[in-house]
């Protein structure tokens, strides 16, 4: 019985430690830190990724394939970096975390007196991560959306044959000439490909030559392709 209680207590403690309350979902880790000679040298990048996952982030290497959620909320992604500080006696590293605007939102330092680089970097990284504080997300997406809206206030003469793209934090809204929303577009990793979502269909929008093609499945599993005229 005591063993069971201890196991449950440890399990709950682990879950609590792994919770991420910052409002950010992903942490992007470089495949290679600039101060090292090789990709994942001393397995330092892998260690950073592992420790970030323990803190509740979905950590990804820059070269990893990105899930759809990554593209749908670009401002839910943080960029992690590790640099080496100049010291004579011991090994010292600095963690820098940037948000989607490139602003540094968190920094921390760690050091080690170990002489072997593999152990020194390992211990310094762990120490820096232990004291790293990442503030809660301050709704950067809304600020960007407001900024985009203010910067795109131009009068456009609209015609029925076109759909007109209005920027959003996650992609675009496609409006008809009377400003009715027709489709919602979500960004992907490619600038000419979007995920399309409405109450009736879910599909993809992509560019084929100079033509935008909307492709989706009907309720009876038939593939439908439509050409759209869009002004971004």
C-alpha atoms as a PDB file:
ATOM      1  CA  UNK A   1       0.000   0.000   0.000  1.00  0.00           C
ATOM      2  CA  UNK A   2       2.841   2.385   0.912  1.00  0.00           C
ATOM      3  CA  UNK A   3       4.551   1.631  -2.412  1.00  0.00           C
ATOM      4  CA  UNK A   4       1.344   2.422  -4.290  1.00  0.00           C
ATOM      5  CA  UNK A   5       0.920   5.751  -2.479  1.00  0.00           C
ATOM      6  CA  UNK A   6       4.562   6.633  -3.175  1.00  0.00           C
ATOM      7  CA  UNK A   7       4.163   5.754  -6.866  1.00  0.00           C
ATOM      8  CA  UNK A   8       1.017   7.891  -7.193  1.00  0.00           C
ATOM      9  CA  UNK A   9       2.725  10.790  -5.426  1.00  0.00           C
ATOM     10  CA  UNK A  10       5.742  10.590  -7.726  1.00  0.00           C
ATOM     11  CA  UNK A  11       3.503  10.326 -10.786  1.00  0.00           C
ATOM     12  CA  UNK A  12       1.491  13.401  -9.788  1.00  0.00           C
ATOM     13  CA  UNK A  13       4.697  15.331  -9.066  1.00  0.00           C
ATOM     14  CA  UNK A  14       6.069  14.428 -12.508  1.00  0.00           C
ATOM     15  CA  UNK A  15       2.869  15.545 -14.254  1.00  0.00           C
ATOM     16  CA  UNK A  16       2.848  18.841 -12.373  1.00  0.00           C
ATOM     17  CA  UNK A  17       6.487  19.482 -13.276  1.00  0.00           C
ATOM     18  CA  UNK A  18       5.738  18.765 -16.945  1.00  0.00           C
ATOM     19  CA  UNK A  19       2.875  21.237 -17.182  1.00  0.00           C
ATOM     20  CA  UNK A  20       3.505  24.270 -19.322  1.00  0.00           C
ATOM     21  CA  UNK A  21       1.487  27.320 -18.284  1.00  0.00           C
ATOM     22  CA  UNK A  22       3.249  29.914 -20.443  1.00  0.00           C
ATOM     23  CA  UNK A  23       0.687  29.906 -23.258  1.00  0.00           C
ATOM     24  CA  UNK A  24       3.425  28.940 -25.734  1.00  0.00           C
ATOM     25  CA  UNK A  25       3.223  25.449 -27.222  1.00  0.00           C
ATOM     26  CA  UNK A  26       6.344  24.791 -29.293  1.00  0.00           C
ATOM     27  CA  UNK A  27      10.035  25.351 -28.695  1.00  0.00           C
ATOM     28  CA  UNK A  28      12.274  25.308 -31.772  1.00  0.00           C
ATOM     29  CA  UNK A  29      15.811  24.052 -31.112  1.00  0.00           C
ATOM     30  CA  UNK A  30      18.716  24.442 -33.611  1.00  0.00           C
ATOM     31  CA  UNK A  31      20.238  21.254 -35.027  1.00  0.00           C
ATOM     32  CA  UNK A  32      23.649  22.788 -34.271  1.00  0.00           C
ATOM     33  CA  UNK A  33      24.716  25.503 -31.853  1.00  0.00           C
ATOM     34  CA  UNK A  34      27.032  28.054 -33.464  1.00  0.00           C
ATOM     35  CA  UNK A  35      29.866  27.683 -30.939  1.00  0.00           C
ATOM     36  CA  UNK A  36      30.205  23.956 -31.696  1.00  0.00           C
ATOM     37  CA  UNK A  37      31.765  22.373 -34.770  1.00  0.00           C
ATOM     38  CA  UNK A  38      29.306  19.577 -35.465  1.00  0.00           C
ATOM     39  CA  UNK A  39      25.581  18.966 -35.510  1.00  0.00           C
ATOM     40  CA  UNK A  40      24.373  17.883 -32.055  1.00  0.00           C
ATOM     41  CA  UNK A  41      27.961  17.762 -30.794  1.00  0.00           C
ATOM     42  CA  UNK A  42      28.210  16.281 -27.273  1.00  0.00           C
ATOM     43  CA  UNK A  43      24.465  15.536 -27.824  1.00  0.00           C
ATOM     44  CA  UNK A  44      23.869  19.013 -26.452  1.00  0.00           C
ATOM     45  CA  UNK A  45      21.020  19.847 -28.825  1.00  0.00           C
ATOM     46  CA  UNK A  46      19.296  16.553 -28.031  1.00  0.00           C
ATOM     47  CA  UNK A  47      19.702  17.233 -24.317  1.00  0.00           C
ATOM     48  CA  UNK A  48      18.172  20.705 -24.688  1.00  0.00           C
ATOM     49  CA  UNK A  49      15.223  19.232 -26.589  1.00  0.00           C
ATOM     50  CA  UNK A  50      14.728  16.514 -23.963  1.00  0.00           C
ATOM     51  CA  UNK A  51      14.849  18.935 -21.020  1.00  0.00           C
ATOM     52  CA  UNK A  52      12.426  21.340 -22.723  1.00  0.00           C
ATOM     53  CA  UNK A  53       9.996  18.482 -23.299  1.00  0.00           C
ATOM     54  CA  UNK A  54      10.205  17.678 -19.581  1.00  0.00           C
ATOM     55  CA  UNK A  55       9.067  21.265 -18.964  1.00  0.00           C
ATOM     56  CA  UNK A  56       5.948  20.634 -21.026  1.00  0.00           C
ATOM     57  CA  UNK A  57       6.972  22.128 -24.380  1.00  0.00           C
ATOM     58  CA  UNK A  58       6.625  20.366 -27.708  1.00  0.00           C
ATOM     59  CA  UNK A  59      10.285  20.694 -28.649  1.00  0.00           C
ATOM     60  CA  UNK A  60      11.296  20.375 -32.299  1.00  0.00           C
ATOM     61  CA  UNK A  61      14.572  20.577 -34.171  1.00  0.00           C
ATOM     62  CA  UNK A  62      14.685  23.142 -36.983  1.00  0.00           C
ATOM     63  CA  UNK A  63      15.038  20.312 -39.517  1.00  0.00           C
ATOM     64  CA  UNK A  64      12.053  18.330 -38.175  1.00  0.00           C
ATOM     65  CA  UNK A  65       8.816  18.072 -40.120  1.00  0.00           C
ATOM     66  CA  UNK A  66       6.378  20.454 -38.461  1.00  0.00           C
ATOM     67  CA  UNK A  67       2.853  19.412 -37.440  1.00  0.00           C
ATOM     68  CA  UNK A  68      -0.197  21.345 -38.650  1.00  0.00           C
ATOM     69  CA  UNK A  69      -0.651  22.968 -35.227  1.00  0.00           C
ATOM     70  CA  UNK A  70       2.780  24.564 -35.622  1.00  0.00           C
ATOM     71  CA  UNK A  71       1.666  26.467 -38.728  1.00  0.00           C
ATOM     72  CA  UNK A  72      -1.745  27.376 -37.316  1.00  0.00           C
ATOM     73  CA  UNK A  73      -0.288  29.356 -34.431  1.00  0.00           C
ATOM     74  CA  UNK A  74       3.118  30.731 -35.358  1.00  0.00           C
ATOM     75  CA  UNK A  75       3.145  32.984 -32.304  1.00  0.00           C
ATOM     76  CA  UNK A  76       2.807  29.944 -30.087  1.00  0.00           C
ATOM     77  CA  UNK A  77       6.342  29.012 -31.154  1.00  0.00           C
ATOM     78  CA  UNK A  78       9.469  30.063 -29.258  1.00  0.00           C
ATOM     79  CA  UNK A  79      13.032  29.843 -30.574  1.00  0.00           C
ATOM     80  CA  UNK A  80      15.691  28.444 -28.259  1.00  0.00           C
ATOM     81  CA  UNK A  81      19.402  29.142 -28.598  1.00  0.00           C
ATOM     82  CA  UNK A  82      22.530  28.404 -26.609  1.00  0.00           C
ATOM     83  CA  UNK A  83      25.751  30.417 -26.808  1.00  0.00           C
ATOM     84  CA  UNK A  84      29.098  30.166 -25.044  1.00  0.00           C
ATOM     85  CA  UNK A  85      30.276  33.046 -22.862  1.00  0.00           C
ATOM     86  CA  UNK A  86      33.938  34.094 -22.766  1.00  0.00           C
ATOM     87  CA  UNK A  87      35.557  32.971 -19.511  1.00  0.00           C
ATOM     88  CA  UNK A  88      39.041  31.787 -18.536  1.00  0.00           C
ATOM     89  CA  UNK A  89      38.444  29.545 -15.543  1.00  0.00           C
ATOM     90  CA  UNK A  90      35.209  27.673 -16.231  1.00  0.00           C
ATOM     91  CA  UNK A  91      32.663  26.884 -18.932  1.00  0.00           C
ATOM     92  CA  UNK A  92      29.723  29.289 -19.062  1.00  0.00           C
ATOM     93  CA  UNK A  93      26.718  29.194 -21.405  1.00  0.00           C
ATOM     94  CA  UNK A  94      23.791  31.491 -22.048  1.00  0.00           C
ATOM     95  CA  UNK A  95      20.251  30.503 -23.048  1.00  0.00           C
ATOM     96  CA  UNK A  96      18.250  32.926 -25.180  1.00  0.00           C
ATOM     97  CA  UNK A  97      14.562  32.473 -25.989  1.00  0.00           C
ATOM     98  CA  UNK A  98      12.852  34.593 -28.662  1.00  0.00           C
ATOM     99  CA  UNK A  99       9.176  34.928 -29.594  1.00  0.00           C
ATOM    100  CA  UNK A 100       7.680  35.035 -33.090  1.00  0.00           C
ATOM    101  CA  UNK A 101       8.579  38.723 -33.501  1.00  0.00           C
ATOM    102  CA  UNK A 102      12.261  38.051 -32.788  1.00  0.00           C
ATOM    103  CA  UNK A 103      12.062  39.714 -29.372  1.00  0.00           C
ATOM    104  CA  UNK A 104      14.143  38.146 -26.597  1.00  0.00           C
ATOM    105  CA  UNK A 105      11.680  37.200 -23.840  1.00  0.00           C
ATOM    106  CA  UNK A 106      13.933  35.075 -21.616  1.00  0.00           C
ATOM    107  CA  UNK A 107      17.621  34.643 -20.793  1.00  0.00           C
ATOM    108  CA  UNK A 108      19.578  32.591 -18.283  1.00  0.00           C
ATOM    109  CA  UNK A 109      23.136  31.449 -17.562  1.00  0.00           C
ATOM    110  CA  UNK A 110      24.767  28.261 -16.394  1.00  0.00           C
ATOM    111  CA  UNK A 111      28.363  27.318 -15.670  1.00  0.00           C
ATOM    112  CA  UNK A 112      30.551  24.372 -14.790  1.00  0.00           C
ATOM    113  CA  UNK A 113      34.145  23.871 -13.596  1.00  0.00           C
ATOM    114  CA  UNK A 114      34.390  20.457 -15.240  1.00  0.00           C
ATOM    115  CA  UNK A 115      37.407  20.186 -17.547  1.00  0.00           C
ATOM    116  CA  UNK A 116      35.905  17.758 -20.062  1.00  0.00           C
ATOM    117  CA  UNK A 117      33.700  19.595 -22.534  1.00  0.00           C
ATOM    118  CA  UNK A 118      30.995  16.951 -22.743  1.00  0.00           C
ATOM    119  CA  UNK A 119      30.365  17.042 -18.988  1.00  0.00           C
ATOM    120  CA  UNK A 120      30.931  20.796 -18.687  1.00  0.00           C
ATOM    121  CA  UNK A 121      28.407  21.732 -21.387  1.00  0.00           C
ATOM    122  CA  UNK A 122      25.920  19.184 -20.069  1.00  0.00           C
ATOM    123  CA  UNK A 123      26.052  20.560 -16.519  1.00  0.00           C
ATOM    124  CA  UNK A 124      26.062  24.218 -17.613  1.00  0.00           C
ATOM    125  CA  UNK A 125      23.035  23.689 -19.850  1.00  0.00           C
ATOM    126  CA  UNK A 126      21.110  21.946 -17.082  1.00  0.00           C
ATOM    127  CA  UNK A 127      21.907  24.751 -14.644  1.00  0.00           C
ATOM    128  CA  UNK A 128      20.828  27.429 -17.122  1.00  0.00           C
ATOM    129  CA  UNK A 129      17.556  25.622 -17.812  1.00  0.00           C
ATOM    130  CA  UNK A 130      16.873  25.181 -14.106  1.00  0.00           C
ATOM    131  CA  UNK A 131      16.806  28.959 -13.617  1.00  0.00           C
ATOM    132  CA  UNK A 132      15.225  29.855 -16.968  1.00  0.00           C
ATOM    133  CA  UNK A 133      11.982  31.767 -16.469  1.00  0.00           C
ATOM    134  CA  UNK A 134       9.674  32.141 -19.467  1.00  0.00           C
ATOM    135  CA  UNK A 135       6.911  34.729 -18.939  1.00  0.00           C
ATOM    136  CA  UNK A 136       3.341  34.024 -19.918  1.00  0.00           C
ATOM    137  CA  UNK A 137       2.357  34.802 -23.470  1.00  0.00           C
ATOM    138  CA  UNK A 138       1.101  38.381 -23.787  1.00  0.00           C
ATOM    139  CA  UNK A 139      -1.133  37.764 -26.788  1.00  0.00           C
ATOM    140  CA  UNK A 140       1.466  38.704 -29.376  1.00  0.00           C
ATOM    141  CA  UNK A 141      -0.843  37.406 -32.106  1.00  0.00           C
ATOM    142  CA  UNK A 142      -3.451  40.070 -31.354  1.00  0.00           C
ATOM    143  CA  UNK A 143      -0.823  42.789 -31.440  1.00  0.00           C
ATOM    144  CA  UNK A 144       0.424  41.553 -34.813  1.00  0.00           C
ATOM    145  CA  UNK A 145      -3.113  41.352 -36.147  1.00  0.00           C
ATOM    146  CA  UNK A 146      -3.844  44.914 -35.035  1.00  0.00           C
ATOM    147  CA  UNK A 147      -0.598  46.088 -36.619  1.00  0.00           C
ATOM    148  CA  UNK A 148      -1.358  44.262 -39.878  1.00  0.00           C
ATOM    149  CA  UNK A 149      -4.854  45.736 -40.010  1.00  0.00           C
ATOM    150  CA  UNK A 150      -3.541  49.257 -39.473  1.00  0.00           C
ATOM    151  CA  UNK A 151      -0.888  48.846 -42.149  1.00  0.00           C
ATOM    152  CA  UNK A 152      -3.280  47.532 -44.796  1.00  0.00           C
ATOM    153  CA  UNK A 153      -5.974  50.190 -44.706  1.00  0.00           C
ATOM    154  CA  UNK A 154      -6.171  50.853 -48.433  1.00  0.00           C
ATOM    155  CA  UNK A 155      -9.331  51.338 -50.462  1.00  0.00           C
ATOM    156  CA  UNK A 156      -9.856  48.458 -52.912  1.00  0.00           C
ATOM    157  CA  UNK A 157     -12.521  48.494 -55.614  1.00  0.00           C
ATOM    158  CA  UNK A 158     -14.081  45.037 -55.350  1.00  0.00           C
ATOM    159  CA  UNK A 159     -15.735  42.958 -58.079  1.00  0.00           C
ATOM    160  CA  UNK A 160     -17.860  39.765 -57.837  1.00  0.00           C
ATOM    161  CA  UNK A 161     -15.361  37.572 -59.705  1.00  0.00           C
ATOM    162  CA  UNK A 162     -12.670  37.845 -57.014  1.00  0.00           C
ATOM    163  CA  UNK A 163     -12.261  36.832 -53.398  1.00  0.00           C
ATOM    164  CA  UNK A 164     -10.259  39.216 -51.234  1.00  0.00           C
ATOM    165  CA  UNK A 165      -7.765  38.087 -48.598  1.00  0.00           C
ATOM    166  CA  UNK A 166      -7.843  39.749 -45.199  1.00  0.00           C
ATOM    167  CA  UNK A 167      -4.842  38.935 -42.929  1.00  0.00           C
ATOM    168  CA  UNK A 168      -5.412  37.196 -39.604  1.00  0.00           C
ATOM    169  CA  UNK A 169      -3.012  35.944 -36.940  1.00  0.00           C
ATOM    170  CA  UNK A 170      -3.216  32.398 -38.344  1.00  0.00           C
ATOM    171  CA  UNK A 171      -3.529  33.134 -42.061  1.00  0.00           C
ATOM    172  CA  UNK A 172      -6.306  34.888 -44.007  1.00  0.00           C
ATOM    173  CA  UNK A 173     -10.040  35.274 -44.334  1.00  0.00           C
ATOM    174  CA  UNK A 174     -11.327  35.190 -47.902  1.00  0.00           C
ATOM    175  CA  UNK A 175     -14.115  37.729 -48.356  1.00  0.00           C
ATOM    176  CA  UNK A 176     -16.428  38.267 -51.310  1.00  0.00           C
ATOM    177  CA  UNK A 177     -16.989  41.684 -52.866  1.00  0.00           C
ATOM    178  CA  UNK A 178     -19.648  42.438 -50.223  1.00  0.00           C
ATOM    179  CA  UNK A 179     -17.221  41.591 -47.382  1.00  0.00           C
ATOM    180  CA  UNK A 180     -18.928  38.319 -46.514  1.00  0.00           C
ATOM    181  CA  UNK A 181     -16.530  35.684 -45.211  1.00  0.00           C
ATOM    182  CA  UNK A 182     -16.379  32.733 -47.624  1.00  0.00           C
ATOM    183  CA  UNK A 183     -13.362  30.735 -46.454  1.00  0.00           C
ATOM    184  CA  UNK A 184     -10.868  30.751 -43.598  1.00  0.00           C
ATOM    185  CA  UNK A 185      -7.261  30.004 -44.558  1.00  0.00           C
ATOM    186  CA  UNK A 186      -4.631  28.707 -42.144  1.00  0.00           C
ATOM    187  CA  UNK A 187      -0.926  29.042 -42.927  1.00  0.00           C
ATOM    188  CA  UNK A 188       1.306  26.057 -43.582  1.00  0.00           C
ATOM    189  CA  UNK A 189       5.088  25.910 -43.927  1.00  0.00           C
ATOM    190  CA  UNK A 190       4.734  26.844 -47.617  1.00  0.00           C
ATOM    191  CA  UNK A 191       3.583  30.343 -48.666  1.00  0.00           C
ATOM    192  CA  UNK A 192       1.439  29.064 -51.548  1.00  0.00           C
ATOM    193  CA  UNK A 193      -0.377  26.338 -49.606  1.00  0.00           C
ATOM    194  CA  UNK A 194      -3.136  26.796 -47.034  1.00  0.00           C
ATOM    195  CA  UNK A 195      -5.526  24.683 -44.987  1.00  0.00           C
ATOM    196  CA  UNK A 196      -9.136  25.698 -45.699  1.00  0.00           C
ATOM    197  CA  UNK A 197     -11.885  25.489 -43.123  1.00  0.00           C
ATOM    198  CA  UNK A 198     -15.573  26.418 -43.186  1.00  0.00           C
ATOM    199  CA  UNK A 199     -18.646  24.990 -41.476  1.00  0.00           C
ATOM    200  CA  UNK A 200     -19.283  22.871 -44.589  1.00  0.00           C
ATOM    201  CA  UNK A 201     -15.858  21.837 -45.898  1.00  0.00           C
ATOM    202  CA  UNK A 202     -12.290  21.176 -44.856  1.00  0.00           C
ATOM    203  CA  UNK A 203      -9.699  21.059 -47.582  1.00  0.00           C
ATOM    204  CA  UNK A 204      -6.621  22.654 -49.071  1.00  0.00           C
ATOM    205  CA  UNK A 205      -5.868  25.709 -51.174  1.00  0.00           C
ATOM    206  CA  UNK A 206      -2.732  25.670 -53.304  1.00  0.00           C
ATOM    207  CA  UNK A 207      -1.290  27.448 -56.295  1.00  0.00           C
ATOM    208  CA  UNK A 208      -0.954  25.608 -59.571  1.00  0.00           C
ATOM    209  CA  UNK A 209       0.918  27.865 -61.973  1.00  0.00           C
ATOM    210  CA  UNK A 210      -0.904  31.191 -61.728  1.00  0.00           C
ATOM    211  CA  UNK A 211      -4.179  29.633 -60.563  1.00  0.00           C
ATOM    212  CA  UNK A 212      -5.368  29.093 -56.992  1.00  0.00           C
ATOM    213  CA  UNK A 213      -6.998  25.672 -56.633  1.00  0.00           C
ATOM    214  CA  UNK A 214      -9.390  24.742 -53.833  1.00  0.00           C
ATOM    215  CA  UNK A 215      -9.518  20.975 -53.259  1.00  0.00           C
ATOM    216  CA  UNK A 216     -11.765  19.167 -50.773  1.00  0.00           C
ATOM    217  CA  UNK A 217     -13.793  16.012 -50.151  1.00  0.00           C
ATOM    218  CA  UNK A 218     -17.595  16.007 -50.294  1.00  0.00           C
ATOM    219  CA  UNK A 219     -19.731  14.128 -47.765  1.00  0.00           C
ATOM    220  CA  UNK A 220     -19.831  11.152 -50.166  1.00  0.00           C
ATOM    221  CA  UNK A 221     -16.021  11.138 -50.470  1.00  0.00           C
ATOM    222  CA  UNK A 222     -15.792  12.704 -53.913  1.00  0.00           C
ATOM    223  CA  UNK A 223     -12.824  14.970 -54.648  1.00  0.00           C
ATOM    224  CA  UNK A 224     -13.838  18.448 -55.767  1.00  0.00           C
ATOM    225  CA  UNK A 225     -11.463  20.946 -57.343  1.00  0.00           C
ATOM    226  CA  UNK A 226     -12.359  24.578 -57.908  1.00  0.00           C
ATOM    227  CA  UNK A 227     -10.347  27.436 -59.375  1.00  0.00           C
ATOM    228  CA  UNK A 228     -10.507  30.640 -57.368  1.00  0.00           C
ATOM    229  CA  UNK A 229      -9.537  34.183 -58.244  1.00  0.00           C
ATOM    230  CA  UNK A 230      -7.970  35.732 -55.145  1.00  0.00           C
ATOM    231  CA  UNK A 231      -6.438  39.099 -54.441  1.00  0.00           C
ATOM    232  CA  UNK A 232      -4.033  39.107 -51.516  1.00  0.00           C
END
